[in-house]
Amino acid sequence: MPAQNSTTGTTEVSAQDEHVRTIFAILEGEQEADLLLRNLHILDVHSENVYPGTLLVHNERIIALSPEESIVRYRESFDGGGLYAIPGLIDAHLHFESQLAHPAAFGEAIVPSGTTTVFGETLDFASAAGAEAVDAARALFADHHKLPYRLYAFAPGKKSAPEVTEAMLGMDPVIGLGELAHLSYMTGNADDFRKSALGRANAGFVNCHWGVTSLSDMLLNYMPAIGVDNNHDVWNEADIEKSIRYGLNTQIKFGVGSPEVIRTMLRAIVKRRWPAENFQLCADNISVDRVLRQGHIDWVISLAVEMGMPPIQAIKMGTLYAARSFHKDRDLGSLSPGRFADIVLTDSLSKINPRYVFKGGKLVAKDRRLLEPVGIDYSVLAKQPRPGLGDLRPAQLDLTPLEISTDGTRAKVLLFDVYGRGHLKFAQEVWVPFRDGAVIPELDGVRLNRISVVQRYADGARHTVNGLFKGVSIDRGAVSTFWPAPSAYFVVVGSDSAEMCAALRELDGLVGGCVVTEDGEVRAALPLDFYGVMADMDLAELVEATRSIDDALAKLGHHNEGEPVVNKLLTLFISLDRFGFMK
């Protein structure tokens, strides 16, 4: 191999020469390391053993296991008090936009839970930014090294033009192509092919919605055949079996949706005795409020143990196996020399309780609190509202039958289910009572609210879809949400067309977000000023705003469980797009 003669090559070799000499000098006791963490019970994920020892850290990385303390020198020491030391936890797949939090605010929530690395999608953010997508992505990533966790990102595999994908593939910290649009492969979409080619040409990783519930068995071969690495589109035992059979790293998600889904999948892994090395843990879509109340990857590891998985295997799904699925196990996922000193100290391996969290040997969180605020200003991403509902009328939201029974007593209407996301039961045609020329919003004796899906910027006749809704139940008033990607649409839930229209018009005055109204007056609002997908707020402000939505809805008769209502409603847009209810 020819010698490197370029200035860049020479500079790199010089830097590496200094590095290897420094490590040798530290281990010989000639120079000081940065930190010694002592009095630990260290989890070795490679041998699946726990041993008492110490960790020597320099320049953000572990450089020695249980070094001879009479030889080594160090600037600082930390007494772990006999706690277990495990690798920093890894979220293998999430969408920043679905958290509604910018990366710094999101870090305030997840790092105290022990998460030190995130593999993040930005496809909705890029799609929402439109023509500004490339500049917006640069602004979003500009100070990622200041975050209290490591960020690895993906260029959009769908919802944006190939030119955006190509530009983002060249950015730091982008490492590959984000999830692909599996449905368009049924017809062969030229943009999809181009993005896949760009991802392969950049030697990056490719994520996917594999489409196990939508594609034929023949087409399911396509994505693994072109080199897709990771798949998070599994919902049950059959999905998991097929995903691992096709050789995909299978990400078990626990985000917005039925809380039973994650339990179903973990039970299946335990029951079938599938090797844990097939799996990684991810949030996909989760609210910061839920992280604060319940936890993040730490919670899923503890739940996996509760479902019958050995604790160390559960931890490896959230550490080593996640790192390995992105070929990052030389940097992440274990407490071994050469790896980043991303370390969680916990008093239990079966129920993770992060007492201390280190990123690169720096203590960043203690007892579930971030120690220092993240000083990153994202305000350059804030936009001005661009209303589009000036001509909307209440009558456009009226619920009209798809079909009337021959005896005139029943009407067929659409029923949407917030917990049906990802399954065909998301939207169903159902028969309900029909009296005096009007649909009675009642199914099997249960009163339901109405829902309207409304196009923001009409091209000709405004596209609207009206139906019944399971997921929010209010006695009066209305709640509306907006999502701009892949096209700008509103969702509004209520029982009266005039009230629903008023809620939409109030929200139309914002860039995006969520609004609750009663008698046409705003009771709570959450503005999303960053292209309609992220809030220009720190964690405390965002949590207060999302909880204000729930509090306002509670006064209108809704009893909420699990995720905040705004997060539940925003995830509807995923399935509305997936099942063809948006243009």
Protein backbone atom coordinates (compact mmCIF):
# COMPACT_ATOMS: atom_id res chain seq x y z
CA MET A 1 0.00 0.00 0.00
CA PRO A 2 1.56 3.36 -1.00
CA ALA A 3 2.61 5.74 1.76
CA GLN A 4 0.40 8.74 2.52
CA ASN A 5 2.02 11.86 1.18
CA SER A 6 -0.86 14.30 1.51
CA THR A 7 -0.89 16.93 4.22
CA THR A 8 -4.11 15.46 5.60
CA GLY A 9 -2.65 11.97 5.78
CA THR A 10 0.54 13.19 7.45
CA THR A 11 -1.43 15.17 10.03
CA GLU A 12 -3.58 12.16 10.86
CA VAL A 13 -0.57 9.86 11.29
CA SER A 14 1.09 12.43 13.56
CA ALA A 15 -2.01 12.65 15.73
CA GLN A 16 -2.25 8.87 15.99
CA ASP A 17 1.44 8.63 16.78
CA GLU A 18 0.96 11.01 19.70
CA HIS A 19 -2.08 9.03 20.86
CA VAL A 20 -0.41 5.61 20.94
CA ARG A 21 2.68 7.01 22.68
CA THR A 22 0.48 8.75 25.28
CA ILE A 23 -1.42 5.57 26.11
CA PHE A 24 1.84 3.64 26.49
CA ALA A 25 3.29 6.36 28.74
CA ILE A 26 0.18 6.35 30.97
CA LEU A 27 0.26 2.59 31.39
CA GLU A 28 3.94 2.84 32.28
CA GLY A 29 3.15 5.47 34.90
CA GLU A 30 5.02 8.20 33.06
CA GLN A 31 1.97 10.38 32.30
CA GLU A 32 -1.36 11.04 34.00
CA ALA A 33 -4.70 9.62 32.92
CA ASP A 34 -7.84 11.71 33.28
CA LEU A 35 -9.87 9.54 35.66
CA LEU A 36 -9.85 6.36 37.72
CA LEU A 37 -13.24 4.89 38.62
CA ARG A 38 -12.72 2.53 41.54
CA ASN A 39 -14.76 0.28 43.79
CA LEU A 40 -16.98 -1.07 40.99
CA HIS A 41 -18.65 -4.33 40.10
CA ILE A 42 -18.01 -4.31 36.35
CA LEU A 43 -20.30 -6.10 33.91
CA ASP A 44 -18.26 -7.79 31.17
CA VAL A 45 -20.84 -8.21 28.40
CA HIS A 46 -18.43 -10.38 26.40
CA SER A 47 -18.02 -13.15 28.99
CA GLU A 48 -21.34 -12.33 30.71
CA ASN A 49 -19.63 -12.10 34.08
CA VAL A 50 -19.42 -9.48 36.81
CA TYR A 51 -16.11 -8.83 38.51
CA PRO A 52 -14.83 -6.30 41.08
CA GLY A 53 -12.45 -3.79 39.57
CA THR A 54 -11.54 -0.32 38.39
CA LEU A 55 -11.62 1.54 35.07
CA LEU A 56 -8.91 3.93 33.90
CA VAL A 57 -10.09 6.65 31.52
CA HIS A 58 -8.17 9.03 29.28
CA ASN A 59 -9.33 11.27 26.43
CA GLU A 60 -12.92 10.00 26.76
CA ARG A 61 -12.01 6.32 26.43
CA ILE A 62 -11.34 3.42 28.74
CA ILE A 63 -7.65 2.56 28.51
CA ALA A 64 -7.23 -0.03 31.27
CA LEU A 65 -9.18 -2.54 33.34
CA SER A 66 -8.15 -2.75 36.99
CA PRO A 67 -4.72 -1.17 36.45
CA GLU A 68 -2.00 -1.51 39.04
CA GLU A 69 -2.68 1.57 41.16
CA SER A 70 0.86 1.71 42.47
CA ILE A 71 1.96 2.38 38.88
CA VAL A 72 -0.70 4.51 37.18
CA ARG A 73 -1.22 8.21 37.83
CA TYR A 74 -4.46 10.09 37.30
CA ARG A 75 -5.86 13.56 37.78
CA GLU A 76 -9.19 12.56 39.33
CA SER A 77 -10.76 9.52 40.96
CA PHE A 78 -14.38 8.51 41.54
CA ASP A 79 -15.57 6.01 44.13
CA GLY A 80 -18.37 3.88 42.69
CA GLY A 81 -19.45 2.67 46.11
CA GLY A 82 -19.65 -0.95 44.99
CA LEU A 83 -22.30 -0.22 42.35
CA TYR A 84 -22.58 -2.22 39.14
CA ALA A 85 -20.87 -0.58 36.16
CA ILE A 86 -22.63 -1.31 32.86
CA PRO A 87 -22.10 0.19 29.39
CA GLY A 88 -24.03 3.34 28.55
CA LEU A 89 -27.44 2.43 27.12
CA ILE A 90 -28.19 2.78 23.41
CA ASP A 91 -31.44 3.71 21.65
CA ALA A 92 -31.08 1.99 18.28
CA HIS A 93 -33.85 3.89 16.48
CA LEU A 94 -35.87 6.99 17.24
CA HIS A 95 -37.38 9.98 15.46
CA PHE A 96 -36.39 13.30 17.00
CA GLU A 97 -39.49 14.97 15.62
CA SER A 98 -41.86 12.54 17.31
CA GLN A 99 -40.49 13.52 20.70
CA LEU A 100 -41.37 17.16 19.85
CA ALA A 101 -38.11 18.06 21.61
CA HIS A 102 -34.99 19.42 19.96
CA PRO A 103 -31.88 17.29 20.62
CA ALA A 104 -30.78 19.24 23.71
CA ALA A 105 -34.19 19.08 25.41
CA PHE A 106 -34.43 15.40 24.55
CA GLY A 107 -31.05 14.83 26.19
CA GLU A 108 -32.33 16.38 29.41
CA ALA A 109 -34.85 13.53 29.56
CA ILE A 110 -32.96 10.47 28.36
CA VAL A 111 -29.43 10.88 29.76
CA PRO A 112 -30.51 10.68 33.43
CA SER A 113 -32.15 7.36 32.47
CA GLY A 114 -28.75 6.03 31.41
CA THR A 115 -28.97 6.53 27.64
CA THR A 116 -25.63 7.74 26.29
CA THR A 117 -26.05 7.00 22.56
CA VAL A 118 -28.90 7.59 20.12
CA PHE A 119 -29.32 6.53 16.50
CA GLY A 120 -31.78 9.12 15.23
CA GLU A 121 -34.00 9.56 12.18
CA THR A 122 -34.62 13.05 10.80
CA LEU A 123 -36.93 12.28 7.89
CA ASP A 124 -39.99 14.19 9.10
CA PHE A 125 -37.84 17.16 10.09
CA ALA A 126 -36.26 17.24 6.62
CA SER A 127 -39.61 16.79 4.91
CA ALA A 128 -41.20 19.56 6.97
CA ALA A 129 -38.33 21.92 6.17
CA GLY A 130 -38.88 21.38 2.44
CA ALA A 131 -36.58 23.56 0.34
CA GLU A 132 -34.67 24.51 3.50
CA ALA A 133 -34.04 20.90 4.51
CA VAL A 134 -30.28 20.82 3.98
CA ASP A 135 -29.59 24.08 5.82
CA ALA A 136 -32.04 23.11 8.57
CA ALA A 137 -30.26 19.77 9.08
CA ARG A 138 -26.89 21.53 9.33
CA ALA A 139 -28.31 23.84 12.00
CA LEU A 140 -29.82 20.89 13.89
CA PHE A 141 -26.52 19.01 13.91
CA ALA A 142 -24.14 21.97 14.28
CA ASP A 143 -23.35 21.54 17.98
CA HIS A 144 -24.13 17.85 18.44
CA HIS A 145 -20.75 17.31 20.12
CA LYS A 146 -22.01 19.48 23.01
CA LEU A 147 -24.88 17.09 23.74
CA PRO A 148 -24.61 14.91 26.88
CA TYR A 149 -25.07 11.83 24.65
CA ARG A 150 -23.64 10.59 21.36
CA LEU A 151 -25.74 11.24 18.29
CA TYR A 152 -25.54 9.18 15.11
CA ALA A 153 -28.07 10.29 12.51
CA PHE A 154 -29.53 9.11 9.21
CA ALA A 155 -30.35 10.87 5.97
CA PRO A 156 -34.03 10.59 4.97
CA GLY A 157 -34.90 7.41 3.12
CA LYS A 158 -38.38 8.74 2.35
CA LYS A 159 -40.50 11.91 2.35
CA SER A 160 -37.66 14.04 0.86
CA ALA A 161 -36.04 14.45 -2.54
CA PRO A 162 -32.94 12.37 -3.37
CA GLU A 163 -30.93 15.60 -3.50
CA VAL A 164 -31.65 16.19 0.20
CA THR A 165 -30.65 12.63 1.01
CA GLU A 166 -27.39 12.98 -0.91
CA ALA A 167 -26.48 16.26 0.81
CA MET A 168 -27.24 14.90 4.28
CA LEU A 169 -25.22 11.74 3.70
CA GLY A 170 -22.16 13.97 3.62
CA MET A 171 -22.88 15.60 6.99
CA ASP A 172 -21.52 14.82 10.42
CA PRO A 173 -22.97 12.92 12.37
CA VAL A 174 -24.92 11.15 9.57
CA ILE A 175 -23.80 7.52 9.18
CA GLY A 176 -26.29 6.10 6.69
CA LEU A 177 -29.69 6.06 5.04
CA GLY A 178 -32.83 6.31 7.13
CA GLU A 179 -35.88 4.12 6.92
CA LEU A 180 -37.15 3.45 3.41
CA ALA A 181 -40.71 3.67 2.09
CA HIS A 182 -41.51 -0.01 1.73
CA LEU A 183 -44.96 0.51 0.19
CA SER A 184 -43.62 2.25 -2.93
CA TYR A 185 -41.40 -0.72 -3.73
CA MET A 186 -44.55 -2.55 -4.81
CA THR A 187 -44.52 -0.45 -7.98
CA GLY A 188 -40.83 0.40 -8.18
CA ASN A 189 -40.26 4.05 -7.26
CA ALA A 190 -37.33 5.76 -8.98
CA ASP A 191 -36.65 8.09 -6.03
CA ASP A 192 -36.52 5.12 -3.66
CA PHE A 193 -34.03 3.37 -5.91
CA ARG A 194 -31.90 6.50 -6.11
CA LYS A 195 -31.83 6.94 -2.32
CA SER A 196 -30.95 3.29 -1.80
CA ALA A 197 -28.13 3.61 -4.32
CA LEU A 198 -26.83 6.71 -2.54
CA GLY A 199 -26.86 4.88 0.78
CA ARG A 200 -24.96 1.93 -0.66
CA ALA A 201 -22.46 4.15 -2.49
CA ASN A 202 -21.69 5.97 0.76
CA ALA A 203 -21.04 2.64 2.48
CA GLY A 204 -23.59 3.66 5.07
CA PHE A 205 -26.19 1.75 6.98
CA VAL A 206 -29.75 1.42 5.75
CA ASN A 207 -32.77 1.29 8.05
CA CYS A 208 -36.20 0.18 6.97
CA HIS A 209 -39.84 -0.21 7.60
CA TRP A 210 -39.73 -3.73 6.27
CA GLY A 211 -43.43 -3.91 5.47
CA VAL A 212 -44.05 -7.39 6.86
CA THR A 213 -47.78 -6.62 7.24
CA SER A 214 -48.08 -5.04 3.78
CA LEU A 215 -45.75 -6.67 1.25
CA SER A 216 -45.85 -10.05 -0.42
CA ASP A 217 -43.40 -12.73 0.70
CA MET A 218 -41.55 -12.26 -2.59
CA LEU A 219 -41.03 -8.53 -2.10
CA LEU A 220 -39.94 -9.05 1.51
CA ASN A 221 -36.69 -10.36 0.03
CA TYR A 222 -35.93 -7.03 -1.59
CA MET A 223 -34.67 -4.94 1.32
CA PRO A 224 -32.34 -7.48 2.91
CA ALA A 225 -31.12 -8.35 -0.60
CA ILE A 226 -29.96 -4.75 -1.20
CA GLY A 227 -28.19 -4.59 2.14
CA VAL A 228 -30.71 -3.19 4.60
CA ASP A 229 -29.25 -3.64 8.08
CA ASN A 230 -31.95 -2.90 10.64
CA ASN A 231 -35.70 -3.35 10.87
CA HIS A 232 -38.00 -1.96 13.55
CA ASP A 233 -41.30 -2.76 11.80
CA VAL A 234 -42.30 -5.70 14.02
CA TRP A 235 -45.39 -5.90 16.17
CA ASN A 236 -45.85 -9.53 17.20
CA GLU A 237 -44.28 -12.99 17.31
CA ALA A 238 -44.86 -13.77 13.63
CA ASP A 239 -43.28 -10.49 12.54
CA ILE A 240 -40.22 -11.12 14.70
CA GLU A 241 -39.75 -14.66 13.43
CA LYS A 242 -39.80 -13.51 9.83
CA SER A 243 -37.49 -10.55 10.49
CA ILE A 244 -34.74 -12.62 12.09
CA ARG A 245 -35.12 -15.39 9.51
CA TYR A 246 -34.38 -12.86 6.78
CA GLY A 247 -31.21 -11.85 8.62
CA LEU A 248 -32.27 -8.40 9.80
CA ASN A 249 -31.11 -6.84 13.04
CA THR A 250 -34.51 -6.57 14.67
CA GLN A 251 -35.24 -3.57 16.84
CA ILE A 252 -37.83 -4.07 19.57
CA LYS A 253 -39.67 -0.77 20.03
CA PHE A 254 -41.71 0.54 22.92
CA GLY A 255 -42.91 3.94 21.74
CA VAL A 256 -46.36 5.43 21.32
CA GLY A 257 -49.06 2.83 20.89
CA SER A 258 -50.53 0.06 22.97
CA PRO A 259 -48.41 -0.56 26.09
CA GLU A 260 -49.03 -4.27 25.56
CA VAL A 261 -47.10 -4.37 22.25
CA ILE A 262 -43.66 -4.28 23.89
CA ARG A 263 -44.68 -6.96 26.36
CA THR A 264 -46.01 -9.16 23.54
CA MET A 265 -42.70 -8.95 21.71
CA LEU A 266 -40.53 -9.56 24.77
CA ARG A 267 -42.67 -12.53 25.80
CA ALA A 268 -42.25 -13.98 22.31
CA ILE A 269 -38.45 -13.70 22.47
CA VAL A 270 -38.39 -15.46 25.83
CA LYS A 271 -40.92 -18.12 24.83
CA ARG A 272 -39.22 -18.95 21.54
CA ARG A 273 -35.76 -18.78 23.09
CA TRP A 274 -34.50 -16.71 20.22
CA PRO A 275 -30.88 -15.63 20.80
CA ALA A 276 -30.81 -12.10 22.22
CA GLU A 277 -28.03 -11.19 19.78
CA ASN A 278 -30.73 -10.80 17.10
CA PHE A 279 -32.29 -7.86 18.92
CA GLN A 280 -31.75 -4.25 19.85
CA LEU A 281 -33.95 -1.90 21.87
CA CYS A 282 -35.39 1.34 20.58
CA ALA A 283 -38.04 3.94 21.36
CA ASP A 284 -39.05 4.79 17.77
CA ASN A 285 -41.56 7.40 19.00
CA ILE A 286 -41.82 8.34 22.66
CA SER A 287 -42.67 11.47 24.62
CA VAL A 288 -40.23 13.11 26.99
CA ASP A 289 -43.03 13.08 29.56
CA ARG A 290 -43.18 9.30 29.40
CA VAL A 291 -39.39 9.08 29.76
CA LEU A 292 -39.57 11.18 32.91
CA ARG A 293 -42.39 9.12 34.37
CA GLN A 294 -41.28 5.66 33.31
CA GLY A 295 -37.77 5.63 31.92
CA HIS A 296 -36.15 5.00 28.57
CA ILE A 297 -33.99 2.02 27.54
CA ASP A 298 -33.47 1.31 31.25
CA TRP A 299 -37.20 0.65 31.59
CA VAL A 300 -37.29 -1.80 28.67
CA ILE A 301 -34.31 -3.75 30.01
CA SER A 302 -36.04 -4.06 33.37
CA LEU A 303 -39.28 -5.10 31.64
CA ALA A 304 -37.44 -7.75 29.62
CA VAL A 305 -36.14 -9.23 32.88
CA GLU A 306 -39.66 -9.15 34.26
CA MET A 307 -40.80 -11.08 31.17
CA GLY A 308 -38.26 -13.82 31.97
CA MET A 309 -35.08 -12.80 30.14
CA PRO A 310 -31.74 -13.19 31.97
CA PRO A 311 -30.62 -9.70 33.11
CA ILE A 312 -27.28 -9.69 31.30
CA GLN A 313 -28.92 -10.73 28.02
CA ALA A 314 -31.46 -7.93 28.42
CA ILE A 315 -28.67 -5.42 29.07
CA LYS A 316 -26.78 -6.62 25.99
CA MET A 317 -29.81 -5.86 23.78
CA GLY A 318 -29.57 -2.27 24.98
CA THR A 319 -25.78 -2.03 24.72
CA LEU A 320 -23.46 -4.41 22.85
CA TYR A 321 -25.97 -5.80 20.37
CA ALA A 322 -27.21 -2.32 19.49
CA ALA A 323 -23.64 -1.10 18.91
CA ARG A 324 -22.76 -4.20 16.90
CA SER A 325 -25.76 -3.78 14.59
CA PHE A 326 -24.18 -0.50 13.37
CA HIS A 327 -20.60 -1.84 13.47
CA LYS A 328 -19.90 0.54 16.35
CA ASP A 329 -18.85 -2.07 18.90
CA ARG A 330 -15.22 -0.93 18.70
CA ASP A 331 -16.43 2.34 20.24
CA LEU A 332 -19.62 1.49 22.14
CA GLY A 333 -21.50 -1.22 23.97
CA SER A 334 -18.92 -2.66 26.37
CA LEU A 335 -16.58 -1.62 29.15
CA SER A 336 -13.37 -2.66 27.42
CA PRO A 337 -10.13 -0.81 26.60
CA GLY A 338 -10.49 1.45 23.58
CA ARG A 339 -14.23 1.97 24.01
CA PHE A 340 -15.76 5.29 24.99
CA ALA A 341 -16.07 5.66 28.75
CA ASP A 342 -19.87 5.84 28.53
CA ILE A 343 -20.78 4.21 31.81
CA VAL A 344 -23.88 3.75 33.95
CA LEU A 345 -23.57 2.90 37.64
CA THR A 346 -26.66 1.08 38.91
CA ASP A 347 -27.51 -0.71 42.15
CA SER A 348 -29.20 -3.57 40.29
CA LEU A 349 -28.83 -5.48 37.01
CA SER A 350 -32.39 -6.77 36.96
CA LYS A 351 -34.04 -3.39 37.56
CA ILE A 352 -31.80 -0.71 36.10
CA ASN A 353 -31.53 2.30 38.40
CA PRO A 354 -29.01 4.78 36.97
CA ARG A 355 -27.32 6.37 39.99
CA TYR A 356 -24.51 7.92 37.96
CA VAL A 357 -24.14 8.39 34.20
CA PHE A 358 -20.83 9.16 32.50
CA LYS A 359 -20.29 10.23 28.90
CA GLY A 360 -16.67 9.94 27.82
CA GLY A 361 -15.57 9.78 31.44
CA LYS A 362 -17.43 12.96 32.39
CA LEU A 363 -20.18 12.67 35.00
CA VAL A 364 -23.26 14.07 33.27
CA ALA A 365 -26.16 12.82 35.42
CA LYS A 366 -26.74 11.75 39.01
CA ASP A 367 -29.84 10.17 40.54
CA ARG A 368 -31.90 10.80 37.39
CA ARG A 369 -30.99 14.48 37.08
CA LEU A 370 -28.79 16.09 34.46
CA LEU A 371 -25.97 17.94 36.21
CA GLU A 372 -25.47 20.79 33.73
CA PRO A 373 -27.85 22.45 31.29
CA VAL A 374 -27.16 21.87 27.61
CA GLY A 375 -26.20 25.26 26.20
CA ILE A 376 -27.31 24.88 22.58
CA ASP A 377 -29.49 27.54 20.93
CA TYR A 378 -31.70 26.17 18.15
CA SER A 379 -33.83 29.31 17.72
CA VAL A 380 -32.53 29.83 14.18
CA LEU A 381 -34.89 27.00 13.22
CA ALA A 382 -38.03 28.90 14.32
CA LYS A 383 -40.40 29.86 11.47
CA GLN A 384 -43.38 32.17 11.02
CA PRO A 385 -46.91 30.73 10.64
CA ARG A 386 -48.35 30.28 7.16
CA PRO A 387 -52.11 29.80 7.61
CA GLY A 388 -54.11 27.86 5.04
CA LEU A 389 -57.64 27.34 6.42
CA GLY A 390 -59.18 30.72 5.66
CA ASP A 391 -61.97 29.13 3.61
CA LEU A 392 -62.73 26.18 5.90
CA ARG A 393 -66.38 25.85 6.92
CA PRO A 394 -67.93 23.66 9.68
CA ALA A 395 -70.06 21.77 7.16
CA GLN A 396 -66.91 20.32 5.61
CA LEU A 397 -66.35 18.45 8.89
CA ASP A 398 -69.83 16.92 9.11
CA LEU A 399 -69.90 13.12 9.33
CA THR A 400 -71.76 11.71 6.33
CA PRO A 401 -72.43 8.01 5.67
CA LEU A 402 -70.35 5.99 3.25
CA GLU A 403 -73.45 3.83 2.87
CA ILE A 404 -76.95 3.60 4.39
CA SER A 405 -78.58 0.26 5.16
CA THR A 406 -81.63 -0.76 3.15
CA ASP A 407 -83.91 -0.22 6.14
CA GLY A 408 -82.47 3.26 6.73
CA THR A 409 -81.53 2.61 10.37
CA ARG A 410 -77.77 2.17 10.05
CA ALA A 411 -74.93 4.02 8.39
CA LYS A 412 -71.48 2.82 7.41
CA VAL A 413 -68.67 5.16 8.49
CA LEU A 414 -64.93 5.09 9.01
CA LEU A 415 -63.59 4.31 12.48
CA PHE A 416 -60.01 5.28 13.38
CA ASP A 417 -58.23 3.75 16.37
CA VAL A 418 -55.18 5.44 17.90
CA TYR A 419 -54.01 2.05 19.21
CA GLY A 420 -54.40 0.44 15.81
CA ARG A 421 -51.29 2.18 14.53
CA GLY A 422 -49.17 -0.20 12.49
CA HIS A 423 -52.04 -2.64 11.96
CA LEU A 424 -54.90 -2.87 9.50
CA LYS A 425 -57.36 -2.20 12.33
CA PHE A 426 -56.16 1.42 12.37
CA ALA A 427 -59.03 2.30 10.01
CA GLN A 428 -62.17 0.20 9.67
CA GLU A 429 -65.59 0.59 8.10
CA VAL A 430 -68.27 0.04 10.75
CA TRP A 431 -72.05 0.22 10.95
CA VAL A 432 -73.55 2.69 13.44
CA PRO A 433 -77.10 3.95 14.16
CA PHE A 434 -78.67 6.39 11.69
CA ARG A 435 -81.72 8.42 12.75
CA ASP A 436 -83.54 11.45 11.36
CA GLY A 437 -80.98 11.78 8.58
CA ALA A 438 -78.00 11.95 10.94
CA VAL A 439 -75.24 9.57 11.95
CA ILE A 440 -75.29 8.66 15.66
CA PRO A 441 -71.64 8.50 16.79
CA GLU A 442 -72.07 5.31 18.77
CA LEU A 443 -70.63 1.81 18.33
CA ASP A 444 -71.82 -1.19 20.33
CA GLY A 445 -73.51 1.15 22.79
CA VAL A 446 -70.35 3.23 23.35
CA ARG A 447 -70.43 6.91 22.50
CA LEU A 448 -67.46 7.98 20.36
CA ASN A 449 -65.99 11.29 19.33
CA ARG A 450 -65.66 12.33 15.73
CA ILE A 451 -62.42 12.93 13.89
CA SER A 452 -61.62 14.97 10.80
CA VAL A 453 -58.44 14.82 8.76
CA VAL A 454 -58.03 18.15 6.95
CA GLN A 455 -55.57 19.26 4.29
CA ARG A 456 -53.96 22.59 5.27
CA TYR A 457 -53.10 23.99 1.84
CA ALA A 458 -55.81 23.04 -0.63
CA ASP A 459 -54.97 22.44 -4.27
CA GLY A 460 -58.41 22.80 -5.74
CA ALA A 461 -61.05 21.11 -3.57
CA ARG A 462 -59.84 20.71 -0.01
CA HIS A 463 -59.22 17.09 0.93
CA THR A 464 -60.99 16.03 4.14
CA VAL A 465 -61.72 12.65 5.69
CA ASN A 466 -64.35 12.40 8.44
CA GLY A 467 -65.04 9.48 10.75
CA LEU A 468 -65.34 8.23 14.32
CA PHE A 469 -62.41 7.94 16.70
CA LYS A 470 -61.17 5.72 19.52
CA GLY A 471 -58.44 7.23 21.66
CA VAL A 472 -59.77 10.56 22.93
CA SER A 473 -63.16 10.93 24.57
CA ILE A 474 -64.32 14.45 25.47
CA ASP A 475 -67.80 15.58 26.43
CA ARG A 476 -67.40 19.00 24.82
CA GLY A 477 -64.84 21.17 23.10
CA ALA A 478 -62.25 19.96 20.61
CA VAL A 479 -58.55 19.17 20.26
CA SER A 480 -56.57 19.70 17.06
CA THR A 481 -53.06 18.73 15.97
CA PHE A 482 -50.94 19.38 12.89
CA TRP A 483 -48.14 17.56 11.10
CA PRO A 484 -46.41 18.84 7.96
CA ALA A 485 -44.72 15.69 6.63
CA PRO A 486 -45.03 14.30 4.03
CA SER A 487 -47.82 16.81 3.39
CA ALA A 488 -49.46 19.41 5.59
CA TYR A 489 -52.53 18.04 7.38
CA PHE A 490 -54.55 18.66 10.52
CA VAL A 491 -56.43 16.22 12.72
CA VAL A 492 -59.24 17.48 14.94
CA VAL A 493 -61.31 15.48 17.45
CA GLY A 494 -64.63 16.59 18.95
CA SER A 495 -68.37 16.15 18.66
CA ASP A 496 -69.54 19.38 17.05
CA SER A 497 -68.48 20.61 13.60
CA ALA A 498 -68.46 24.29 14.58
CA GLU A 499 -66.28 23.64 17.63
CA MET A 500 -63.94 21.43 15.61
CA CYS A 501 -63.65 24.12 12.95
CA ALA A 502 -62.84 26.74 15.60
CA ALA A 503 -60.07 24.55 17.01
CA LEU A 504 -58.58 24.12 13.55
CA ARG A 505 -58.61 27.85 12.85
CA GLU A 506 -56.84 28.56 16.15
CA LEU A 507 -54.13 26.04 15.33
CA ASP A 508 -53.84 27.38 11.80
CA GLY A 509 -52.49 30.58 13.35
CA LEU A 510 -49.41 28.67 14.58
CA VAL A 511 -46.54 27.08 12.66
CA GLY A 512 -47.79 23.81 14.10
CA GLY A 513 -48.59 22.07 17.36
CA CYS A 514 -51.70 21.23 19.36
CA VAL A 515 -54.66 23.32 20.56
CA VAL A 516 -57.59 22.55 22.89
CA THR A 517 -60.71 24.74 22.64
CA GLU A 518 -64.02 25.02 24.45
CA ASP A 519 -66.80 27.25 23.12
CA GLY A 520 -64.31 28.53 20.56
CA GLU A 521 -61.86 29.72 23.23
CA VAL A 522 -58.34 28.32 23.59
CA ARG A 523 -57.90 26.34 26.82
CA ALA A 524 -54.38 25.05 26.14
CA ALA A 525 -51.82 25.26 23.35
CA LEU A 526 -48.49 23.69 22.47
CA PRO A 527 -46.71 25.57 19.65
CA LEU A 528 -44.14 23.70 17.54
CA ASP A 529 -42.20 26.57 16.01
CA PHE A 530 -39.47 24.52 14.31
CA TYR A 531 -41.18 23.74 10.99
CA GLY A 532 -44.22 22.47 12.90
CA VAL A 533 -42.41 19.41 14.32
CA MET A 534 -40.30 20.62 17.27
CA ALA A 535 -40.83 22.99 20.18
CA ASP A 536 -38.46 25.88 20.88
CA MET A 537 -38.48 24.92 24.57
CA ASP A 538 -36.28 23.31 27.16
CA LEU A 539 -37.46 20.09 28.80
CA ALA A 540 -39.37 21.70 31.67
CA GLU A 541 -41.25 24.06 29.36
CA LEU A 542 -42.14 21.27 26.93
CA VAL A 543 -43.41 18.96 29.66
CA GLU A 544 -45.49 21.77 31.15
CA ALA A 545 -47.03 22.47 27.74
CA THR A 546 -47.87 18.83 26.98
CA ARG A 547 -49.34 18.34 30.44
CA SER A 548 -51.44 21.49 30.00
CA ILE A 549 -53.05 19.81 26.98
CA ASP A 550 -53.92 16.76 29.08
CA ASP A 551 -55.20 18.91 31.94
CA ALA A 552 -57.45 20.89 29.61
CA LEU A 553 -58.82 17.70 28.06
CA ALA A 554 -59.42 16.21 31.50
CA LYS A 555 -61.68 19.17 32.29
CA LEU A 556 -63.56 18.35 29.08
CA GLY A 557 -64.15 14.76 30.23
CA HIS A 558 -61.16 12.84 28.87
CA HIS A 559 -59.34 10.31 31.06
CA ASN A 560 -55.86 9.79 29.67
CA GLU A 561 -53.48 6.89 30.30
CA GLY A 562 -49.94 6.41 29.06
CA GLU A 563 -48.53 8.90 26.59
CA PRO A 564 -49.66 12.54 26.58
CA VAL A 565 -52.60 13.05 24.22
CA VAL A 566 -50.62 15.31 21.89
CA ASN A 567 -48.08 12.53 21.26
CA LYS A 568 -50.82 9.96 20.72
CA LEU A 569 -52.59 12.16 18.20
CA LEU A 570 -49.44 13.08 16.31
CA THR A 571 -48.61 9.44 15.70
CA LEU A 572 -51.88 9.13 13.80
CA PHE A 573 -50.24 10.89 10.88
CA ILE A 574 -47.88 7.93 10.39
CA SER A 575 -50.78 5.60 9.67
CA LEU A 576 -52.88 8.22 7.90
CA ASP A 577 -50.06 8.49 5.38
CA ARG A 578 -49.35 4.75 5.36
CA PHE A 579 -52.94 3.78 4.63
CA GLY A 580 -53.61 6.49 2.04
CA PHE A 581 -55.74 9.02 3.96
CA MET A 582 -53.50 11.95 3.01
CA LYS A 583 -52.78 13.15 -0.51
